[in-house]
C-alpha atoms as a PDB file:
ATOM      1  CA  MET A   1    -130.567 -95.043   4.210  1.00  0.00           C
ATOM      2  CA  LYS A   2    -129.099 -97.742   1.979  1.00  0.00           C
ATOM      3  CA  LEU A   3    -125.576 -98.830   2.859  1.00  0.00           C
ATOM      4  CA  GLN A   4    -123.247 -99.186  -0.083  1.00  0.00           C
ATOM      5  CA  MET A   5    -121.905-102.700  -0.591  1.00  0.00           C
ATOM      6  CA  THR A   6    -118.183-103.114  -1.034  1.00  0.00           C
ATOM      7  CA  SER A   7    -116.655-104.759  -4.083  1.00  0.00           C
ATOM      8  CA  GLU A   8    -115.245-107.410  -1.766  1.00  0.00           C
ATOM      9  CA  THR A   9    -118.700-108.267  -0.416  1.00  0.00           C
ATOM     10  CA  LEU A  10    -120.193-108.413  -3.913  1.00  0.00           C
ATOM     11  CA  ASN A  11    -117.307-110.598  -5.113  1.00  0.00           C
ATOM     12  CA  GLN A  12    -117.945-112.991  -2.212  1.00  0.00           C
ATOM     13  CA  ILE A  13    -121.654-113.166  -3.083  1.00  0.00           C
ATOM     14  CA  THR A  14    -121.026-113.788  -6.795  1.00  0.00           C
ATOM     15  CA  SER A  15    -118.228-116.306  -6.211  1.00  0.00           C
ATOM     16  CA  LYS A  16    -120.592-118.495  -4.160  1.00  0.00           C
ATOM     17  CA  ALA A  17    -123.659-118.008  -6.406  1.00  0.00           C
ATOM     18  CA  GLU A  18    -124.969-120.777  -8.653  1.00  0.00           C
ATOM     19  CA  CYS A  19    -125.616-120.037 -12.317  1.00  0.00           C
ATOM     20  CA  LEU A  20    -129.119-121.327 -13.033  1.00  0.00           C
ATOM     21  CA  TYR A  21    -129.262-120.019 -16.630  1.00  0.00           C
ATOM     22  CA  ASP A  22    -126.394-118.647 -18.674  1.00  0.00           C
ATOM     23  CA  ILE A  23    -126.875-115.714 -21.045  1.00  0.00           C
ATOM     24  CA  ASN A  24    -127.512-118.033 -24.010  1.00  0.00           C
ATOM     25  CA  ALA A  25    -130.407-119.703 -22.194  1.00  0.00           C
ATOM     26  CA  VAL A  26    -131.782-116.259 -21.273  1.00  0.00           C
ATOM     27  CA  GLU A  27    -131.530-115.039 -24.882  1.00  0.00           C
ATOM     28  CA  ASN A  28    -133.304-118.188 -26.133  1.00  0.00           C
ATOM     29  CA  ALA A  29    -136.080-117.660 -23.586  1.00  0.00           C
ATOM     30  CA  LEU A  30    -136.463-114.039 -24.710  1.00  0.00           C
ATOM     31  CA  ASP A  31    -136.700-115.195 -28.349  1.00  0.00           C
ATOM     32  CA  ALA A  32    -139.488-117.608 -27.402  1.00  0.00           C
ATOM     33  CA  MET A  33    -141.310-114.939 -25.387  1.00  0.00           C
ATOM     34  CA  ALA A  34    -141.116-112.470 -28.272  1.00  0.00           C
ATOM     35  CA  GLY A  35    -142.498-115.076 -30.671  1.00  0.00           C
ATOM     36  CA  ALA A  36    -145.441-115.795 -28.374  1.00  0.00           C
ATOM     37  CA  MET A  37    -146.065-112.067 -27.880  1.00  0.00           C
ATOM     38  CA  GLY A  38    -146.036-111.488 -31.628  1.00  0.00           C
ATOM     39  CA  ALA A  39    -148.548-114.268 -32.186  1.00  0.00           C
ATOM     40  CA  GLU A  40    -150.875-112.802 -29.553  1.00  0.00           C
ATOM     41  CA  LEU A  41    -150.375-109.035 -29.903  1.00  0.00           C
ATOM     42  CA  SER A  42    -149.477-108.335 -33.525  1.00  0.00           C
ATOM     43  CA  GLY A  43    -152.035-105.990 -35.000  1.00  0.00           C
ATOM     44  CA  VAL A  44    -153.475-104.643 -31.714  1.00  0.00           C
ATOM     45  CA  ASN A  45    -151.008-101.747 -31.200  1.00  0.00           C
ATOM     46  CA  PRO A  46    -150.348-102.503 -27.519  1.00  0.00           C
ATOM     47  CA  ILE A  47    -148.651-100.355 -24.934  1.00  0.00           C
ATOM     48  CA  LEU A  48    -145.571-102.139 -23.634  1.00  0.00           C
ATOM     49  CA  LEU A  49    -145.360-101.066 -20.006  1.00  0.00           C
ATOM     50  CA  CYS A  50    -141.986-101.567 -18.295  1.00  0.00           C
ATOM     51  CA  VAL A  51    -142.047-102.049 -14.520  1.00  0.00           C
ATOM     52  CA  MET A  52    -138.979-100.220 -13.219  1.00  0.00           C
ATOM     53  CA  ASN A  53    -136.328-100.999 -12.176  1.00  0.00           C
ATOM     54  CA  GLY A  54    -136.282-104.758 -12.613  1.00  0.00           C
ATOM     55  CA  GLY A  55    -138.236-104.789 -15.860  1.00  0.00           C
ATOM     56  CA  LEU A  56    -135.740-102.510 -17.598  1.00  0.00           C
ATOM     57  CA  VAL A  57    -133.408-105.262 -18.845  1.00  0.00           C
ATOM     58  CA  PRO A  58    -136.109-107.725 -19.998  1.00  0.00           C
ATOM     59  CA  THR A  59    -138.096-104.898 -21.611  1.00  0.00           C
ATOM     60  CA  GLY A  60    -135.078-103.593 -23.504  1.00  0.00           C
ATOM     61  CA  LYS A  61    -134.110-107.057 -24.683  1.00  0.00           C
ATOM     62  CA  LEU A  62    -137.687-107.870 -25.742  1.00  0.00           C
ATOM     63  CA  LEU A  63    -138.286-104.526 -27.428  1.00  0.00           C
ATOM     64  CA  THR A  64    -135.787-105.147 -30.219  1.00  0.00           C
ATOM     65  CA  ARG A  65    -137.283-108.598 -30.839  1.00  0.00           C
ATOM     66  CA  LEU A  66    -140.878-107.394 -31.277  1.00  0.00           C
ATOM     67  CA  ASP A  67    -141.623-106.668 -34.936  1.00  0.00           C
ATOM     68  CA  PHE A  68    -145.102-105.199 -34.564  1.00  0.00           C
ATOM     69  CA  GLN A  69    -146.472-101.728 -33.886  1.00  0.00           C
ATOM     70  CA  LEU A  70    -146.461-100.758 -30.208  1.00  0.00           C
ATOM     71  CA  GLU A  71    -145.947 -97.840 -27.850  1.00  0.00           C
ATOM     72  CA  LEU A  72    -143.533 -97.914 -24.913  1.00  0.00           C
ATOM     73  CA  ASP A  73    -144.081 -96.481 -21.452  1.00  0.00           C
ATOM     74  CA  TYR A  74    -142.958 -97.258 -17.925  1.00  0.00           C
ATOM     75  CA  LEU A  75    -144.082 -97.152 -14.338  1.00  0.00           C
ATOM     76  CA  HIS A  76    -142.147 -97.432 -11.121  1.00  0.00           C
ATOM     77  CA  ILE A  77    -143.547 -99.416  -8.242  1.00  0.00           C
ATOM     78  CA  SER A  78    -141.368-100.910  -5.539  1.00  0.00           C
ATOM     79  CA  ARG A  79    -141.848-103.678  -3.016  1.00  0.00           C
ATOM     80  CA  TYR A  80    -138.273-104.692  -2.162  1.00  0.00           C
ATOM     81  CA  ARG A  81    -136.467-101.330  -2.165  1.00  0.00           C
ATOM     82  CA  ASN A  82    -132.939-102.793  -2.361  1.00  0.00           C
ATOM     83  CA  THR A  83    -133.566-105.466   0.269  1.00  0.00           C
ATOM     84  CA  THR A  84    -134.098-109.215  -0.013  1.00  0.00           C
ATOM     85  CA  GLN A  85    -137.508-109.116   1.698  1.00  0.00           C
ATOM     86  CA  GLY A  86    -140.678-107.675   0.170  1.00  0.00           C
ATOM     87  CA  SER A  87    -142.761-105.138   2.042  1.00  0.00           C
ATOM     88  CA  ASP A  88    -145.623-102.785   1.197  1.00  0.00           C
ATOM     89  CA  LEU A  89    -146.021-101.551  -2.378  1.00  0.00           C
ATOM     90  CA  ARG A  90    -144.946 -97.991  -3.062  1.00  0.00           C
ATOM     91  CA  TRP A  91    -145.914 -96.235  -6.312  1.00  0.00           C
ATOM     92  CA  ILE A  92    -143.121 -93.941  -7.458  1.00  0.00           C
ATOM     93  CA  SER A  93    -144.317 -93.144 -10.994  1.00  0.00           C
ATOM     94  CA  LYS A  94    -147.497 -94.132 -12.824  1.00  0.00           C
ATOM     95  CA  PRO A  95    -147.802 -94.638 -16.610  1.00  0.00           C
ATOM     96  CA  HIS A  96    -147.711 -91.492 -18.727  1.00  0.00           C
ATOM     97  CA  ILE A  97    -149.568 -92.739 -21.821  1.00  0.00           C
ATOM     98  CA  ASP A  98    -153.345 -92.897 -21.661  1.00  0.00           C
ATOM     99  CA  ILE A  99    -154.156 -96.606 -21.383  1.00  0.00           C
ATOM    100  CA  ASN A 100    -157.918 -96.207 -21.709  1.00  0.00           C
ATOM    101  CA  ASN A 101    -159.327 -98.573 -24.352  1.00  0.00           C
ATOM    102  CA  ARG A 102    -155.834 -99.991 -25.075  1.00  0.00           C
ATOM    103  CA  VAL A 103    -154.215-103.385 -24.741  1.00  0.00           C
ATOM    104  CA  VAL A 104    -151.329-103.250 -22.292  1.00  0.00           C
ATOM    105  CA  LEU A 105    -148.383-105.630 -21.954  1.00  0.00           C
ATOM    106  CA  ILE A 106    -146.806-105.300 -18.497  1.00  0.00           C
ATOM    107  CA  VAL A 107    -143.165-106.472 -18.451  1.00  0.00           C
ATOM    108  CA  ASP A 108    -141.317-107.204 -15.204  1.00  0.00           C
ATOM    109  CA  ASP A 109    -138.249-109.173 -14.221  1.00  0.00           C
ATOM    110  CA  ILE A 110    -139.721-111.808 -11.894  1.00  0.00           C
ATOM    111  CA  LEU A 111    -143.014-113.200 -10.666  1.00  0.00           C
ATOM    112  CA  ASP A 112    -142.467-114.100  -7.042  1.00  0.00           C
ATOM    113  CA  GLU A 113    -145.600-113.683  -4.926  1.00  0.00           C
ATOM    114  CA  GLY A 114    -147.440-111.807  -7.682  1.00  0.00           C
ATOM    115  CA  LEU A 115    -148.400-108.756  -5.626  1.00  0.00           C
ATOM    116  CA  THR A 116    -146.615-106.176  -7.766  1.00  0.00           C
ATOM    117  CA  LEU A 117    -147.959-107.550 -11.054  1.00  0.00           C
ATOM    118  CA  LYS A 118    -151.466-107.771  -9.581  1.00  0.00           C
ATOM    119  CA  ALA A 119    -151.328-104.135  -8.445  1.00  0.00           C
ATOM    120  CA  VAL A 120    -150.140-102.979 -11.872  1.00  0.00           C
ATOM    121  CA  GLN A 121    -152.681-105.138 -13.696  1.00  0.00           C
ATOM    122  CA  ASP A 122    -155.494-103.832 -11.450  1.00  0.00           C
ATOM    123  CA  TYR A 123    -154.314-100.256 -12.055  1.00  0.00           C
ATOM    124  CA  CYS A 124    -154.429-100.782 -15.830  1.00  0.00           C
ATOM    125  CA  ILE A 125    -157.913-102.316 -15.796  1.00  0.00           C
ATOM    126  CA  SER A 126    -159.247 -99.637 -13.433  1.00  0.00           C
ATOM    127  CA  HIS A 127    -157.911 -96.992 -15.854  1.00  0.00           C
ATOM    128  CA  GLY A 128    -159.781 -98.460 -18.792  1.00  0.00           C
ATOM    129  CA  ALA A 129    -157.337-100.902 -20.411  1.00  0.00           C
ATOM    130  CA  LYS A 130    -159.142-103.402 -22.667  1.00  0.00           C
ATOM    131  CA  LYS A 131    -156.770-106.108 -21.493  1.00  0.00           C
ATOM    132  CA  ALA A 132    -153.621-106.159 -19.366  1.00  0.00           C
ATOM    133  CA  TYR A 133    -151.250-108.994 -20.259  1.00  0.00           C
ATOM    134  CA  THR A 134    -148.340-109.827 -17.970  1.00  0.00           C
ATOM    135  CA  ALA A 135    -144.839-110.922 -18.951  1.00  0.00           C
ATOM    136  CA  VAL A 136    -141.889-111.898 -16.756  1.00  0.00           C
ATOM    137  CA  LEU A 137    -138.457-113.146 -17.580  1.00  0.00           C
ATOM    138  CA  VAL A 138    -138.512-115.429 -14.521  1.00  0.00           C
ATOM    139  CA  ASP A 139    -141.322-117.207 -12.672  1.00  0.00           C
ATOM    140  CA  LYS A 140    -140.323-118.395  -9.206  1.00  0.00           C
ATOM    141  CA  ILE A 141    -142.007-121.727  -8.511  1.00  0.00           C
ATOM    142  CA  HIS A 142    -143.620-121.985  -5.062  1.00  0.00           C
ATOM    143  CA  ALA A 143    -147.065-122.049  -3.429  1.00  0.00           C
ATOM    144  CA  ARG A 144    -146.975-118.561  -1.813  1.00  0.00           C
ATOM    145  CA  LYS A 145    -148.404-116.640  -4.772  1.00  0.00           C
ATOM    146  CA  THR A 146    -151.257-114.432  -3.600  1.00  0.00           C
ATOM    147  CA  GLY A 147    -151.487-111.976  -6.504  1.00  0.00           C
ATOM    148  CA  VAL A 148    -150.930-112.971 -10.118  1.00  0.00           C
ATOM    149  CA  LYS A 149    -150.434-116.740 -10.034  1.00  0.00           C
ATOM    150  CA  LYS A 150    -149.107-117.181 -13.599  1.00  0.00           C
ATOM    151  CA  ALA A 151    -147.975-114.571 -16.102  1.00  0.00           C
ATOM    152  CA  ASP A 152    -149.272-114.664 -19.671  1.00  0.00           C
ATOM    153  CA  PHE A 153    -145.702-114.789 -21.025  1.00  0.00           C
ATOM    154  CA  VAL A 154    -142.885-116.452 -19.065  1.00  0.00           C
ATOM    155  CA  GLY A 155    -139.273-116.881 -20.089  1.00  0.00           C
ATOM    156  CA  LEU A 156    -137.804-119.194 -17.458  1.00  0.00           C
ATOM    157  CA  ASP A 157    -138.838-120.977 -14.279  1.00  0.00           C
ATOM    158  CA  VAL A 158    -136.620-120.992 -11.190  1.00  0.00           C
ATOM    159  CA  GLU A 159    -136.815-122.823  -7.905  1.00  0.00           C
ATOM    160  CA  ASP A 160    -137.677-120.922  -4.737  1.00  0.00           C
ATOM    161  CA  ARG A 161    -134.320-119.233  -4.160  1.00  0.00           C
ATOM    162  CA  TYR A 162    -133.132-115.637  -4.154  1.00  0.00           C
ATOM    163  CA  VAL A 163    -131.977-114.871  -7.695  1.00  0.00           C
ATOM    164  CA  TYR A 164    -130.268-111.977  -9.444  1.00  0.00           C
ATOM    165  CA  GLY A 165    -129.167-110.968 -12.942  1.00  0.00           C
ATOM    166  CA  CYS A 166    -130.835-109.804 -16.182  1.00  0.00           C
ATOM    167  CA  GLY A 167    -132.732-107.089 -14.305  1.00  0.00           C
ATOM    168  CA  MET A 168    -133.160-108.784 -10.912  1.00  0.00           C
ATOM    169  CA  ASP A 169    -131.043-107.326  -8.142  1.00  0.00           C
ATOM    170  CA  TYR A 170    -129.272-108.358  -4.994  1.00  0.00           C
ATOM    171  CA  LYS A 171    -129.707-105.469  -2.544  1.00  0.00           C
ATOM    172  CA  GLY A 172    -129.692-102.971  -5.414  1.00  0.00           C
ATOM    173  CA  TYR A 173    -126.704-104.497  -7.216  1.00  0.00           C
ATOM    174  CA  LEU A 174    -126.018-107.159  -9.863  1.00  0.00           C
ATOM    175  CA  ARG A 175    -128.986-106.364 -12.167  1.00  0.00           C
ATOM    176  CA  ASN A 176    -126.425-106.347 -14.970  1.00  0.00           C
ATOM    177  CA  ALA A 177    -125.171-109.901 -14.357  1.00  0.00           C
ATOM    178  CA  PRO A 178    -125.249-111.838 -17.665  1.00  0.00           C
ATOM    179  CA  GLY A 179    -127.443-114.751 -16.647  1.00  0.00           C
ATOM    180  CA  ILE A 180    -129.695-115.844 -13.805  1.00  0.00           C
ATOM    181  CA  PHE A 181    -127.866-116.666 -10.579  1.00  0.00           C
ATOM    182  CA  ALA A 182    -129.034-117.973  -7.185  1.00  0.00           C
ATOM    183  CA  VAL A 183    -127.306-116.735  -4.056  1.00  0.00           C
ATOM    184  CA  GLN A 184    -126.415-119.156  -1.287  1.00  0.00           C
ATOM    185  CA  ASP A 185    -129.165-119.398   1.306  1.00  0.00           C
ATOM    186  CA  SER A 186    -126.900-117.743   3.900  1.00  0.00           C
ATOM    187  CA  ASP A 187    -126.633-114.653   1.650  1.00  0.00           C
ATOM    188  CA  ALA A 188    -130.373-114.378   0.921  1.00  0.00           C
ATOM    189  CA  SER A 189    -131.250-112.389   4.033  1.00  0.00           C
END
């Protein structure tokens, strides 16, 4: 069972965190991502597939920037489950729209090791998608990637630190933080 964090604990975490990108930098990155997506996907009527929960904020922010025909759906797959360490993948909800013979754009918050995006991309292809593009607001730069190594659309790069904000969480909290923040190493476990 998940223990609820106190406001005091969260305030301590956020007061020590480093702002890597403020909200203006995030919004500019989303503008650039939307422009690249429009250039690639305009005219193909893609399915924009939000990976819950982390992909909710980037998907919502991108959705209003995309000026081409698309359908929206979601899936829920979890690897972290409100912790700071990834574990096995657990499917909670699969897409509801038929993706057979469609182009799919998978949107998530972060590309860390790439396992979640790889599982979703494999699912889409195995269910008949013509192509399954990947998009992440943040790509964490390190050599441990074993799934998807690079997303098709990336907003921002971050160093190999535990980050939260704009959809990414810290133990289930802080997804709504207006920017991208790195916790102190002592708080990352």
